[in-house]
Protein backbone atom coordinates (compact mmCIF):
# COMPACT_ATOMS: atom_id res chain seq x y z
CA MET A 1 49.72 89.39 -14.75
CA HIS A 2 47.87 86.72 -12.77
CA PRO A 3 44.79 85.34 -14.60
CA THR A 4 42.52 86.55 -11.81
CA ASP A 5 43.91 90.07 -12.15
CA VAL A 6 43.35 89.90 -15.91
CA LYS A 7 39.71 88.99 -15.33
CA SER A 8 39.33 91.80 -12.83
CA SER A 9 40.68 94.36 -15.28
CA LEU A 10 38.38 93.13 -18.06
CA ILE A 11 35.38 93.49 -15.75
CA GLN A 12 36.41 96.99 -14.71
CA ALA A 13 36.99 98.02 -18.33
CA ALA A 14 33.58 96.67 -19.37
CA LEU A 15 31.96 98.67 -16.56
CA GLY A 16 33.80 101.80 -17.63
CA GLU A 17 35.69 102.01 -14.33
CA ILE A 18 39.14 102.07 -15.95
CA PRO A 19 40.19 103.63 -19.28
CA LEU A 20 39.57 101.62 -22.41
CA ASP A 21 42.28 101.25 -25.03
CA LEU A 22 40.07 101.71 -28.09
CA VAL A 23 36.42 102.43 -28.83
CA LEU A 24 34.95 101.99 -32.30
CA SER A 25 32.06 104.43 -32.15
CA GLY A 26 28.77 104.56 -33.99
CA GLY A 27 29.15 101.62 -36.36
CA THR A 28 26.66 98.94 -37.37
CA VAL A 29 27.61 95.62 -35.79
CA VAL A 30 27.06 92.48 -37.85
CA ASP A 31 25.97 89.93 -35.27
CA VAL A 32 26.85 86.57 -36.75
CA TYR A 33 25.21 84.72 -33.85
CA SER A 34 21.70 86.07 -34.50
CA GLY A 35 22.16 86.93 -38.17
CA THR A 36 21.12 90.53 -37.57
CA THR A 37 22.68 93.99 -37.51
CA PHE A 38 22.39 96.81 -34.99
CA GLU A 39 24.10 100.09 -34.16
CA ALA A 40 26.55 99.97 -31.24
CA ASP A 41 30.02 100.92 -30.06
CA VAL A 42 32.67 98.22 -29.70
CA ALA A 43 34.80 98.74 -26.60
CA ILE A 44 38.29 97.19 -26.50
CA TYR A 45 40.69 96.70 -23.62
CA ARG A 46 44.07 95.19 -24.32
CA ASP A 47 43.49 92.29 -26.75
CA ARG A 48 39.80 91.76 -25.90
CA ILE A 49 36.41 93.12 -26.73
CA VAL A 50 34.90 94.08 -23.38
CA GLY A 51 31.71 95.82 -24.45
CA ILE A 52 29.07 96.08 -27.15
CA GLY A 53 26.73 99.01 -26.57
CA ARG A 54 27.13 102.71 -25.81
CA TYR A 55 30.46 103.96 -24.47
CA ASP A 56 30.10 107.67 -25.24
CA GLY A 57 31.26 109.11 -21.95
CA VAL A 58 33.77 106.46 -21.01
CA ASP A 59 37.44 107.39 -20.76
CA CYS A 60 39.50 105.78 -23.52
CA LYS A 61 42.95 106.17 -25.01
CA ARG A 62 41.65 106.26 -28.56
CA ARG A 63 38.25 106.64 -30.17
CA LEU A 64 37.63 105.88 -33.84
CA ASP A 65 34.44 107.15 -35.46
CA VAL A 66 33.03 104.39 -37.70
CA SER A 67 29.60 105.91 -38.29
CA SER A 68 27.81 104.66 -41.41
CA ARG A 69 30.17 101.69 -41.59
CA TYR A 70 29.77 98.04 -40.68
CA LEU A 71 31.79 96.08 -38.13
CA ILE A 72 32.36 92.40 -38.84
CA PRO A 73 34.54 89.78 -37.15
CA GLY A 74 37.97 89.13 -38.63
CA LEU A 75 37.62 86.70 -41.53
CA ILE A 76 38.93 83.15 -41.13
CA ASP A 77 40.42 80.78 -43.69
CA ALA A 78 39.24 77.31 -42.60
CA HIS A 79 42.02 75.47 -44.40
CA MET A 80 45.10 76.67 -46.23
CA HIS A 81 48.78 76.03 -46.72
CA ILE A 82 51.02 79.01 -45.98
CA GLU A 83 53.67 77.47 -48.16
CA SER A 84 51.42 77.64 -51.22
CA THR A 85 51.39 81.43 -51.00
CA MET A 86 55.20 81.27 -51.26
CA LEU A 87 55.31 84.00 -48.60
CA THR A 88 56.59 84.15 -45.05
CA PRO A 89 53.74 84.76 -42.55
CA ARG A 90 54.89 88.38 -42.19
CA ALA A 91 54.68 89.01 -45.93
CA LEU A 92 51.39 87.12 -46.08
CA ALA A 93 49.87 89.27 -43.34
CA GLU A 94 50.68 92.39 -45.36
CA ILE A 95 48.23 91.28 -48.06
CA LEU A 96 45.64 89.49 -45.88
CA ILE A 97 45.05 92.17 -43.24
CA PRO A 98 43.95 94.82 -45.82
CA ARG A 99 41.38 92.25 -46.99
CA GLY A 100 40.00 91.68 -43.52
CA VAL A 101 41.54 88.23 -42.98
CA THR A 102 42.92 87.98 -39.45
CA THR A 103 43.02 84.21 -38.86
CA ILE A 104 44.24 81.27 -40.87
CA LEU A 105 43.99 77.58 -40.05
CA ALA A 106 47.11 76.24 -41.69
CA ASP A 107 48.16 72.70 -42.43
CA PRO A 108 51.97 72.94 -42.79
CA HIS A 109 52.39 69.54 -44.39
CA GLU A 110 54.34 71.08 -47.26
CA ILE A 111 57.26 72.19 -45.11
CA ALA A 112 56.83 69.05 -42.98
CA ASN A 113 57.40 66.86 -46.04
CA VAL A 114 60.68 68.68 -46.57
CA MET A 115 61.97 69.29 -43.04
CA GLY A 116 59.67 67.52 -40.58
CA VAL A 117 58.90 68.84 -37.10
CA LYS A 118 61.72 71.36 -37.13
CA GLY A 119 60.33 72.85 -40.33
CA ILE A 120 56.91 73.33 -38.72
CA GLN A 121 58.49 74.84 -35.62
CA LEU A 122 60.50 77.25 -37.77
CA LEU A 123 57.40 78.36 -39.69
CA LEU A 124 55.47 78.96 -36.46
CA LEU A 125 58.41 80.86 -34.96
CA ILE A 126 58.46 83.16 -37.97
CA ALA A 127 54.67 83.55 -37.73
CA GLU A 128 54.96 85.03 -34.23
CA GLU A 129 56.26 88.24 -35.82
CA ALA A 130 53.18 88.68 -38.02
CA PRO A 131 49.85 90.40 -37.22
CA LEU A 132 48.03 87.22 -38.15
CA ARG A 133 46.43 84.54 -35.99
CA VAL A 134 47.77 81.15 -37.07
CA PHE A 135 46.24 77.89 -35.86
CA VAL A 136 47.77 74.56 -36.83
CA GLN A 137 46.11 71.61 -38.49
CA VAL A 138 48.70 68.99 -37.58
CA PRO A 139 49.85 67.18 -40.74
CA SER A 140 48.48 63.64 -40.79
CA ARG A 141 50.18 62.39 -43.92
CA VAL A 142 53.89 62.97 -44.05
CA PRO A 143 54.59 61.29 -46.37
CA THR A 144 51.21 61.43 -48.11
CA ALA A 145 51.69 58.17 -49.96
CA PRO A 146 54.19 55.96 -48.16
CA GLY A 147 55.71 53.40 -50.48
CA LEU A 148 54.74 55.48 -53.50
CA GLU A 149 57.00 58.51 -52.94
CA ASP A 150 60.08 59.68 -51.06
CA THR A 151 60.11 62.83 -48.93
CA GLY A 152 62.62 64.73 -46.85
CA ALA A 153 61.02 63.77 -43.54
CA SER A 154 58.18 61.81 -41.97
CA LEU A 155 55.80 62.38 -39.07
CA GLY A 156 55.03 59.23 -37.13
CA ILE A 157 52.92 58.68 -34.03
CA ALA A 158 55.37 60.32 -31.62
CA GLU A 159 55.81 63.41 -33.79
CA THR A 160 52.05 63.73 -34.32
CA GLN A 161 51.35 63.54 -30.60
CA LYS A 162 53.98 66.21 -29.92
CA LEU A 163 52.43 68.54 -32.50
CA LEU A 164 48.86 67.93 -31.29
CA ASN A 165 49.97 69.21 -27.89
CA LEU A 166 51.04 72.58 -29.32
CA GLU A 167 49.03 75.48 -27.94
CA GLY A 168 47.82 76.51 -31.40
CA ALA A 169 46.93 73.03 -32.67
CA VAL A 170 43.22 72.74 -33.52
CA SER A 171 42.96 69.53 -35.50
CA LEU A 172 44.63 66.61 -37.17
CA GLY A 173 45.15 67.86 -40.71
CA GLU A 174 43.53 66.55 -43.87
CA LEU A 175 43.55 62.75 -43.79
CA ASN A 176 43.28 60.84 -47.04
CA PHE A 177 40.23 58.60 -47.28
CA GLN A 178 42.43 55.85 -48.78
CA HIS A 179 44.32 55.55 -45.50
CA VAL A 180 41.05 55.15 -43.60
CA LEU A 181 39.35 52.70 -45.93
CA SER A 182 42.46 50.51 -46.06
CA LEU A 183 42.32 50.34 -42.24
CA GLY A 184 45.81 51.81 -41.99
CA ARG A 185 46.63 51.26 -38.35
CA GLU A 186 48.99 54.23 -38.00
CA TYR A 187 46.36 56.62 -39.37
CA LEU A 188 43.58 55.23 -37.19
CA GLU A 189 45.88 55.66 -34.20
CA LYS A 190 46.48 59.30 -35.21
CA ILE A 191 42.70 59.83 -35.29
CA SER A 192 42.46 58.41 -31.78
CA LEU A 193 45.28 60.68 -30.60
CA ALA A 194 43.46 63.73 -31.94
CA GLU A 195 40.18 62.70 -30.35
CA SER A 196 41.92 62.09 -27.02
CA ALA A 197 43.31 65.62 -27.23
CA SER A 198 39.77 66.95 -28.02
CA LYS A 199 40.87 67.96 -31.51
CA LEU A 200 38.95 67.53 -34.76
CA VAL A 201 40.11 65.41 -37.68
CA ASN A 202 40.02 67.05 -41.12
CA GLY A 203 39.09 64.93 -44.10
CA HIS A 204 40.44 64.70 -47.63
CA MET A 205 37.63 62.89 -49.46
CA PRO A 206 37.36 63.92 -53.13
CA GLY A 207 34.40 62.28 -54.84
CA LEU A 208 33.63 60.03 -51.88
CA SER A 209 30.02 58.90 -51.58
CA GLY A 210 27.72 56.26 -50.14
CA ARG A 211 29.07 53.63 -47.77
CA GLU A 212 32.68 54.71 -48.25
CA LEU A 213 31.77 58.24 -47.12
CA ASN A 214 29.84 56.80 -44.17
CA ALA A 215 32.87 54.72 -43.21
CA CYS A 216 35.23 57.70 -43.18
CA LEU A 217 32.83 59.78 -41.12
CA ALA A 218 32.31 56.86 -38.73
CA ALA A 219 36.10 56.74 -38.31
CA GLY A 220 36.10 60.36 -37.13
CA LEU A 221 36.68 62.58 -40.17
CA ARG A 222 34.61 65.72 -39.63
CA ASP A 223 34.98 67.94 -42.70
CA ASP A 224 36.10 68.05 -46.31
CA HIS A 225 37.48 70.72 -48.64
CA GLU A 226 37.50 68.66 -51.85
CA CYS A 227 33.86 68.96 -52.98
CA VAL A 228 33.50 70.05 -56.60
CA THR A 229 29.72 69.68 -57.07
CA GLN A 230 26.68 70.72 -55.09
CA GLY A 231 25.41 67.17 -54.97
CA GLU A 232 28.64 65.99 -53.37
CA ALA A 233 28.50 68.83 -50.84
CA LEU A 234 24.86 68.16 -49.92
CA GLU A 235 25.50 64.46 -49.35
CA LYS A 236 28.35 65.27 -46.99
CA LEU A 237 26.38 67.97 -45.15
CA ARG A 238 23.46 65.59 -44.64
CA ARG A 239 25.82 63.18 -42.95
CA GLY A 240 27.16 65.74 -40.49
CA CYS A 241 30.32 66.56 -42.44
CA ALA A 242 31.21 70.25 -42.61
CA VAL A 243 32.01 71.41 -46.15
CA MET A 244 34.83 73.89 -46.70
CA VAL A 245 33.90 75.69 -49.90
CA ARG A 246 37.19 76.22 -51.70
CA GLU A 247 38.22 79.03 -54.01
CA GLY A 248 41.94 78.97 -54.66
CA THR A 249 44.13 79.60 -57.67
CA SER A 250 43.64 76.33 -59.54
CA GLU A 251 40.68 74.99 -57.55
CA ARG A 252 37.52 77.02 -58.25
CA ASN A 253 34.59 75.27 -56.58
CA LEU A 254 32.49 78.00 -54.94
CA GLU A 255 29.93 78.70 -57.65
CA ASP A 256 29.36 75.03 -58.46
CA ILE A 257 28.65 74.29 -54.79
CA LEU A 258 26.76 77.38 -53.60
CA ALA A 259 24.61 78.48 -56.55
CA GLY A 260 21.01 78.01 -55.39
CA ILE A 261 22.01 76.02 -52.31
CA GLU A 262 19.86 78.09 -49.93
CA CYS A 263 16.79 76.56 -51.62
CA LYS A 264 18.02 73.14 -50.51
CA LEU A 265 19.34 73.99 -47.04
CA ALA A 266 17.43 75.52 -44.16
CA ASP A 267 20.63 75.81 -42.15
CA THR A 268 24.01 76.81 -43.57
CA ARG A 269 26.10 76.37 -40.42
CA GLY A 270 27.96 73.44 -41.97
CA LEU A 271 29.40 75.61 -44.76
CA LEU A 272 32.84 77.17 -44.27
CA PHE A 273 35.19 79.05 -46.60
CA CYS A 274 38.76 78.14 -47.44
CA THR A 275 41.38 78.86 -50.08
CA ASP A 276 43.54 75.75 -49.66
CA ASP A 277 46.17 76.96 -52.14
CA LYS A 278 46.19 80.48 -53.55
CA HIS A 279 49.04 82.37 -55.14
CA PRO A 280 49.70 85.94 -53.92
CA SER A 281 49.05 87.42 -57.37
CA ASP A 282 45.47 86.14 -57.16
CA ILE A 283 45.12 87.42 -53.59
CA LEU A 284 46.22 90.89 -54.67
CA ARG A 285 44.07 90.84 -57.81
CA GLU A 286 40.80 89.49 -56.44
CA GLY A 287 41.13 88.92 -52.69
CA HIS A 288 41.24 86.02 -50.28
CA ILE A 289 38.38 84.92 -48.00
CA ASP A 290 36.82 88.34 -48.67
CA PHE A 291 36.63 87.24 -52.32
CA ASN A 292 34.78 84.07 -51.31
CA VAL A 293 32.25 86.19 -49.42
CA ARG A 294 31.73 88.62 -52.30
CA LYS A 295 31.42 85.85 -54.87
CA ALA A 296 28.91 84.00 -52.70
CA ILE A 297 26.81 87.16 -52.40
CA GLU A 298 27.01 87.75 -56.16
CA ILE A 299 25.50 84.33 -56.87
CA GLY A 300 22.65 84.88 -54.44
CA ILE A 301 23.79 83.94 -50.94
CA ASP A 302 22.43 86.27 -48.24
CA PRO A 303 25.27 88.67 -47.19
CA ILE A 304 25.00 87.84 -43.48
CA LYS A 305 25.07 84.11 -44.19
CA ALA A 306 28.11 84.58 -46.42
CA ILE A 307 29.89 86.45 -43.61
CA GLN A 308 28.88 83.68 -41.18
CA MET A 309 30.57 81.14 -43.47
CA ALA A 310 33.77 83.18 -43.22
CA THR A 311 33.63 83.70 -39.44
CA ILE A 312 31.40 82.03 -36.84
CA ASN A 313 30.78 78.83 -38.82
CA THR A 314 34.51 78.11 -38.96
CA ALA A 315 35.15 79.24 -35.38
CA THR A 316 32.33 77.02 -34.07
CA HIS A 317 33.39 74.00 -36.10
CA PHE A 318 36.92 74.19 -34.74
CA ARG A 319 35.72 74.98 -31.17
CA LEU A 320 37.29 78.43 -31.30
CA ASP A 321 34.12 80.54 -31.00
CA HIS A 322 34.98 81.36 -27.40
CA GLU A 323 37.94 83.31 -28.81
CA ILE A 324 37.27 84.39 -32.40
CA GLY A 325 34.61 84.51 -35.10
CA VAL A 326 32.14 86.84 -33.40
CA LEU A 327 32.07 90.41 -32.06
CA ALA A 328 31.17 89.83 -28.43
CA PRO A 329 32.55 90.62 -24.96
CA GLY A 330 35.40 88.35 -23.92
CA ARG A 331 36.46 87.49 -27.44
CA LYS A 332 39.68 88.51 -29.13
CA ALA A 333 39.46 92.02 -30.54
CA ASP A 334 39.74 91.13 -34.23
CA VAL A 335 37.43 93.64 -35.89
CA VAL A 336 37.09 94.61 -39.54
CA VAL A 337 35.50 97.93 -40.50
CA VAL A 338 33.88 97.76 -43.95
CA GLU A 339 32.01 100.26 -46.10
CA ASP A 340 29.31 97.78 -47.06
CA VAL A 341 28.53 94.14 -46.26
CA ARG A 342 28.18 93.29 -49.95
CA THR A 343 31.47 94.64 -51.24
CA LEU A 344 33.54 94.22 -48.06
CA GLN A 345 35.68 97.23 -48.92
CA VAL A 346 37.91 97.40 -45.84
CA SER A 347 38.62 100.78 -44.25
CA ALA A 348 40.21 99.62 -40.98
CA VAL A 349 41.31 96.44 -39.21
CA VAL A 350 41.86 95.84 -35.52
CA PHE A 351 43.91 92.75 -34.70
CA ASP A 352 44.47 91.59 -31.13
CA GLY A 353 43.20 94.97 -29.92
CA GLN A 354 45.63 96.98 -32.05
CA LEU A 355 44.68 99.13 -35.03
CA VAL A 356 46.91 97.52 -37.68
CA TYR A 357 45.38 98.87 -40.89
CA ARG A 358 43.53 102.05 -41.82
CA GLU A 359 42.56 103.67 -45.11
CA GLY A 360 45.03 101.83 -47.31
CA ARG A 361 48.00 101.81 -44.94
CA MET A 362 49.45 99.09 -42.73
CA LEU A 363 50.17 100.45 -39.24
CA TYR A 364 52.15 97.45 -38.09
CA SER A 365 55.77 96.63 -38.78
CA ALA A 366 57.39 93.28 -38.17
CA LYS A 367 61.00 92.23 -38.15
CA THR A 368 62.41 90.49 -41.20
CA PRO A 369 62.57 86.80 -40.27
CA GLU A 370 65.92 85.20 -39.60
CA VAL A 371 66.15 81.87 -41.39
CA PRO A 372 68.87 79.37 -40.47
CA GLU A 373 71.19 78.13 -43.18
CA TRP A 374 69.93 74.54 -42.93
CA ALA A 375 66.48 75.66 -44.04
CA LEU A 376 67.89 77.31 -47.18
CA LYS A 377 69.73 74.27 -48.55
CA THR A 378 67.12 71.58 -49.04
CA VAL A 379 67.25 71.03 -52.82
CA ARG A 380 69.80 68.34 -53.63
CA VAL A 381 70.07 66.73 -57.06
CA SER A 382 72.41 63.95 -58.14
CA PRO A 383 75.42 65.37 -60.03
CA ASP A 384 75.14 62.36 -62.36
CA LEU A 385 71.57 63.11 -63.43
CA SER A 386 71.31 62.98 -67.24
CA GLU A 387 68.84 63.80 -70.00
CA GLU A 388 68.10 60.09 -70.41
CA ASP A 389 67.01 59.93 -66.76
CA LEU A 390 64.13 62.30 -67.52
CA VAL A 391 62.44 60.51 -70.41
CA ILE A 392 60.93 57.06 -70.94
CA LYS A 393 63.20 54.35 -72.36
CA VAL A 394 61.70 51.63 -74.55
CA PRO A 395 63.17 48.41 -76.02
CA ASP A 396 65.42 48.71 -79.05
CA GLY A 397 63.48 48.52 -82.28
CA THR A 398 60.36 50.15 -80.84
CA SER A 399 58.77 52.60 -83.27
CA GLU A 400 55.92 53.76 -81.03
CA ALA A 401 54.29 53.01 -77.71
CA LEU A 402 50.83 53.24 -76.14
CA VAL A 403 51.18 55.35 -73.00
CA ARG A 404 49.05 56.62 -70.17
CA VAL A 405 48.63 60.39 -70.37
CA ILE A 406 47.85 62.74 -67.48
CA ASN A 407 45.18 65.12 -68.84
CA LEU A 408 44.85 68.39 -66.95
CA ILE A 409 41.44 69.89 -66.19
CA PRO A 410 41.73 73.70 -66.07
CA GLY A 411 40.56 75.13 -62.77
CA GLN A 412 40.77 71.77 -60.99
CA ILE A 413 43.44 69.66 -59.34
CA ILE A 414 41.84 66.41 -60.49
CA ASN A 415 42.91 65.01 -63.87
CA ARG A 416 41.85 62.32 -66.30
CA GLU A 417 43.77 59.41 -67.78
CA THR A 418 43.77 58.87 -71.52
CA ARG A 419 45.89 56.63 -73.69
CA GLU A 420 47.87 57.75 -76.72
CA TRP A 421 50.38 56.34 -79.16
CA VAL A 422 53.67 58.27 -79.16
CA LYS A 423 56.72 57.77 -81.38
CA ALA A 424 60.10 56.49 -80.25
CA THR A 425 63.52 57.77 -81.33
CA ASP A 426 66.81 56.00 -80.53
CA GLY A 427 65.22 53.95 -77.75
CA PHE A 428 63.38 56.79 -76.03
CA LEU A 429 59.83 58.10 -76.37
CA ALA A 430 59.60 61.58 -77.87
CA SER A 431 57.34 64.48 -76.98
CA ASP A 432 54.76 65.61 -79.54
CA PRO A 433 53.97 69.34 -79.10
CA SER A 434 51.57 69.23 -82.06
CA ARG A 435 49.28 67.03 -79.94
CA ASP A 436 50.30 68.69 -76.66
CA LEU A 437 51.95 65.47 -75.45
CA LEU A 438 54.89 66.51 -73.29
CA HIS A 439 57.44 64.78 -71.10
CA ILE A 440 56.88 65.11 -67.38
CA ALA A 441 59.34 63.89 -64.75
CA VAL A 442 59.68 64.00 -60.97
CA VAL A 443 63.27 64.04 -59.71
CA ASP A 444 64.31 63.08 -56.18
CA ARG A 445 65.58 66.26 -54.52
CA HIS A 446 65.73 65.06 -50.92
CA ARG A 447 68.37 62.32 -51.18
CA ALA A 448 70.09 63.35 -54.42
CA THR A 449 69.50 59.99 -56.11
CA ARG A 450 68.79 59.35 -59.79
CA GLN A 451 65.38 57.94 -58.97
CA VAL A 452 62.97 59.63 -61.38
CA GLY A 453 59.29 59.08 -62.13
CA LYS A 454 58.39 59.65 -65.81
CA ALA A 455 55.19 59.98 -67.82
CA PHE A 456 53.38 62.09 -70.43
CA VAL A 457 51.09 65.03 -69.75
CA ARG A 458 48.61 67.02 -71.82
CA GLY A 459 47.33 70.50 -70.99
CA PHE A 460 50.40 72.72 -70.63
CA GLY A 461 50.60 73.49 -74.33
CA LEU A 462 54.36 74.13 -74.43
CA THR A 463 55.74 74.31 -77.95
CA GLU A 464 59.40 74.36 -76.86
CA GLY A 465 61.63 74.49 -73.78
CA ALA A 466 60.78 73.33 -70.26
CA ILE A 467 59.40 74.55 -66.93
CA ALA A 468 60.26 73.14 -63.51
CA SER A 469 59.28 73.55 -59.87
CA SER A 470 60.61 72.40 -56.49
CA VAL A 471 57.04 72.78 -55.21
CA ALA A 472 55.28 69.49 -56.01
CA HIS A 473 52.50 68.37 -53.70
CA ASP A 474 52.94 66.69 -51.39
CA HIS A 475 56.36 65.09 -51.67
CA HIS A 476 57.98 68.28 -53.03
CA ASN A 477 60.51 66.65 -55.23
CA ILE A 478 61.34 68.57 -58.43
CA VAL A 479 58.72 68.31 -61.16
CA VAL A 480 59.66 69.27 -64.72
CA VAL A 481 57.60 69.40 -67.92
CA GLY A 482 59.11 69.96 -71.33
CA VAL A 483 59.54 69.40 -75.00
CA SER A 484 63.32 69.06 -74.86
CA PRO A 485 65.10 66.66 -72.43
CA ALA A 486 68.15 68.96 -72.53
CA ASP A 487 66.07 71.93 -71.38
CA MET A 488 64.41 69.77 -68.73
CA LEU A 489 67.82 68.83 -67.31
CA CYS A 490 68.94 72.46 -67.39
CA ALA A 491 65.83 73.51 -65.44
CA VAL A 492 66.29 70.82 -62.79
CA LYS A 493 69.95 71.64 -62.20
CA HIS A 494 69.21 75.37 -62.01
CA LEU A 495 66.72 74.82 -59.20
CA ALA A 496 69.34 72.85 -57.29
CA GLU A 497 71.77 75.75 -57.66
CA THR A 498 69.32 78.42 -56.47
CA GLY A 499 67.77 76.48 -53.59
CA GLY A 500 64.44 75.93 -55.29
CA GLY A 501 61.52 77.75 -56.84
CA PHE A 502 60.10 78.00 -60.36
CA VAL A 503 62.05 78.32 -63.61
CA ALA A 504 61.47 78.50 -67.37
CA VAL A 505 64.19 77.36 -69.79
CA ARG A 506 64.66 77.38 -73.56
CA SER A 507 67.71 76.26 -75.56
CA GLY A 508 69.71 75.82 -72.36
CA LYS A 509 69.05 79.38 -71.19
CA VAL A 510 67.03 80.47 -68.16
CA LEU A 511 64.31 82.83 -69.40
CA ALA A 512 62.71 83.69 -66.05
CA GLU A 513 62.50 82.40 -62.49
CA LEU A 514 61.11 82.84 -59.00
CA VAL A 515 63.54 81.79 -56.26
CA LEU A 516 62.01 80.09 -53.20
CA PRO A 517 64.94 79.34 -50.89
CA LEU A 518 63.12 78.50 -47.63
CA GLY A 519 62.63 74.76 -47.94
CA GLY A 520 62.45 75.20 -51.70
CA LEU A 521 58.90 76.44 -51.03
CA ILE A 522 58.91 79.99 -49.66
CA SER A 523 60.41 83.31 -50.75
CA LEU A 524 62.04 85.73 -48.32
CA GLN A 525 60.84 88.68 -50.40
CA SER A 526 57.78 90.88 -50.02
CA ALA A 527 54.46 89.93 -51.56
CA ASP A 528 54.85 92.63 -54.24
CA ASP A 529 58.27 91.31 -55.26
CA VAL A 530 57.03 87.72 -55.38
CA VAL A 531 54.00 88.69 -57.43
CA ASP A 532 56.13 90.74 -59.83
CA SER A 533 58.51 87.82 -60.39
CA LEU A 534 55.66 85.33 -60.77
CA ASP A 535 53.78 87.55 -63.22
CA LYS A 536 56.90 87.96 -65.36
CA LEU A 537 57.52 84.23 -65.19
CA ASN A 538 53.96 83.30 -66.23
CA GLU A 539 54.02 85.87 -69.01
CA THR A 540 57.33 84.51 -70.27
CA VAL A 541 56.07 80.93 -70.24
CA MET A 542 52.98 81.92 -72.23
CA ARG A 543 54.77 84.25 -74.67
CA GLU A 544 58.06 82.44 -75.20
CA LEU A 545 57.13 78.79 -74.66
CA GLY A 546 53.55 78.79 -75.96
CA CYS A 547 51.90 77.70 -72.70
CA SER A 548 48.10 77.84 -72.77
CA LEU A 549 47.53 78.01 -68.98
CA GLU A 550 47.07 81.21 -66.97
CA SER A 551 48.70 79.69 -63.86
CA PRO A 552 51.07 77.04 -65.22
CA PHE A 553 53.13 76.70 -62.07
CA MET A 554 50.14 76.19 -59.80
CA GLN A 555 49.01 73.45 -62.17
CA LEU A 556 52.56 72.07 -62.20
CA GLU A 557 52.53 71.91 -58.39
CA PHE A 558 49.42 69.72 -58.29
CA VAL A 559 49.85 67.43 -61.27
CA THR A 560 52.14 65.28 -59.13
CA LEU A 561 49.62 64.59 -56.33
CA PRO A 562 49.38 60.81 -55.80
CA THR A 563 46.11 61.14 -53.85
CA VAL A 564 43.79 63.01 -56.23
CA PRO A 565 42.22 61.09 -59.13
CA GLU A 566 43.06 59.90 -61.58
CA LEU A 567 46.87 59.90 -61.98
CA GLY A 568 49.72 61.30 -59.90
CA LEU A 569 53.47 61.25 -60.36
CA THR A 570 56.24 60.87 -57.79
CA ASN A 571 59.93 60.13 -57.93
CA ARG A 572 58.98 56.44 -57.75
CA GLY A 573 56.73 56.54 -60.79
CA LEU A 574 53.21 56.99 -62.11
CA VAL A 575 50.46 56.46 -59.52
CA ASN A 576 46.87 55.35 -60.01
CA ALA A 577 45.41 57.70 -57.38
CA THR A 578 42.15 55.76 -57.14
CA LYS A 579 43.73 52.39 -56.45
CA PHE A 580 46.72 53.96 -54.68
CA GLU A 581 49.28 51.91 -56.59
CA LEU A 582 52.10 52.40 -59.06
CA VAL A 583 51.29 51.73 -62.71
CA GLU A 584 53.49 51.54 -65.78
CA PRO A 585 53.40 54.63 -68.02
CA VAL A 586 53.86 52.38 -71.07
CA ILE A 587 51.05 49.96 -71.81
CA SER A 588 52.39 48.37 -74.98
CA VAL A 589 54.91 48.91 -77.77
CA ARG A 590 55.17 48.07 -81.44
């Protein structure tokens, strides 16, 4: 249909001159523009809202009585990685729609680090089959730490420009402050490309303050999702930087940032909600962006302001409020019917003008995605890889060594460096489960070389065996933690055989696993099946291997990050994430 004809039909539908497709009658509209509520019908024609008001006598194909219920805009995740859910977009929609989430702003740098542009295109192609609005934050850092890691692909200037021109591209994805402060020419050029295309630039600025923060904002970074304290968030807000308040699986920042913040802010428009990385088991157990809203309300945030953070604030920040984020004529018909604005118990969801969920049942079916063979065979490990490759070698005659240790912080992706003496046996450093000092290694899985980064880690609490993952931000080589080098090798080789995922091993035997064949990152199963496998895997790791973490594999995914303080680990070695340089895991021997 010609655009002029489309406009004509919308006008006629709004005037009641042609039949409407759907009318939601008698509900209380939450107006996120004014911060008020009022009773009104919501009239829908095709994929658009055409009227807010009274449409009692107007001809319509379907009328849904929503009396005594509230109507809110579809919730929006301001920043997330689809790959971290381990679900295809279709499977993800099946657990997001019942929670009122209709739009996600996704940075696909995980699949880009494995398969480049064609991986992103494949993910977006699959997403077309899902009742979920997906906007793209074009990956800015593939690889994340050039010279410090090896990935399966890279996105240069030409690839970035191509992706920024995609219809659904809304920003240049999270850009590390280190690349800006070091005056990295390629990254500054990417910022200019985004600005020329009228797109925002997302920041990645954990702990940044003072002049360094000013410098990054002056360069064009416009938001950040890495705040962990209220003071950090307030400093960024006062400098015009939007703050995405994150509540994921291993990153729990909402309460620390929002508790009492309304006493310090007269205007909360700069606050958005995101999950960043959240496993499906946590989505099913507690929720997604709806959980952020409920938790914010529980700690004292006004319910309407909390809903604004999940809708219009994000839409306005990303210049999408002409399409989504508000219930108003001309906008996309993404409407969530809830019992109460405090609990957000969802009774119905309209997406793109279609009723897709009602009273506990999805009303939309999507085709199972077809995935090409090349996308299922991305985990390649050297056939010559040995146990010795996975642990730290020391000079003959060494009895013990002083090593740098990566210390996990539960609930956070940041870690702390400590230094410990560990014993050596037959020329190799040994794990010490009694002190929770375990081997950790990152194995090249993109080029099948024997290049392995090695260190020690504390926080997993394993007493025996090993666990491994082909999901390792952001390079996504294989990361393995263990007591026994033999079990570590067994775990790594098993992931290569299955195409990737998570695995737990003891005494050379696989105890449990979750297979993620698409890029070594994503399952082709339903959310329920993935959650069931992950729950069994986590339970096995805790029961059989003595792990002390509730979400060991989410922690395993992030311990390798070379960009988040203080230490990261890649296939090239241990990284000082503050100085952005490789450091030796062994400081001295005796």
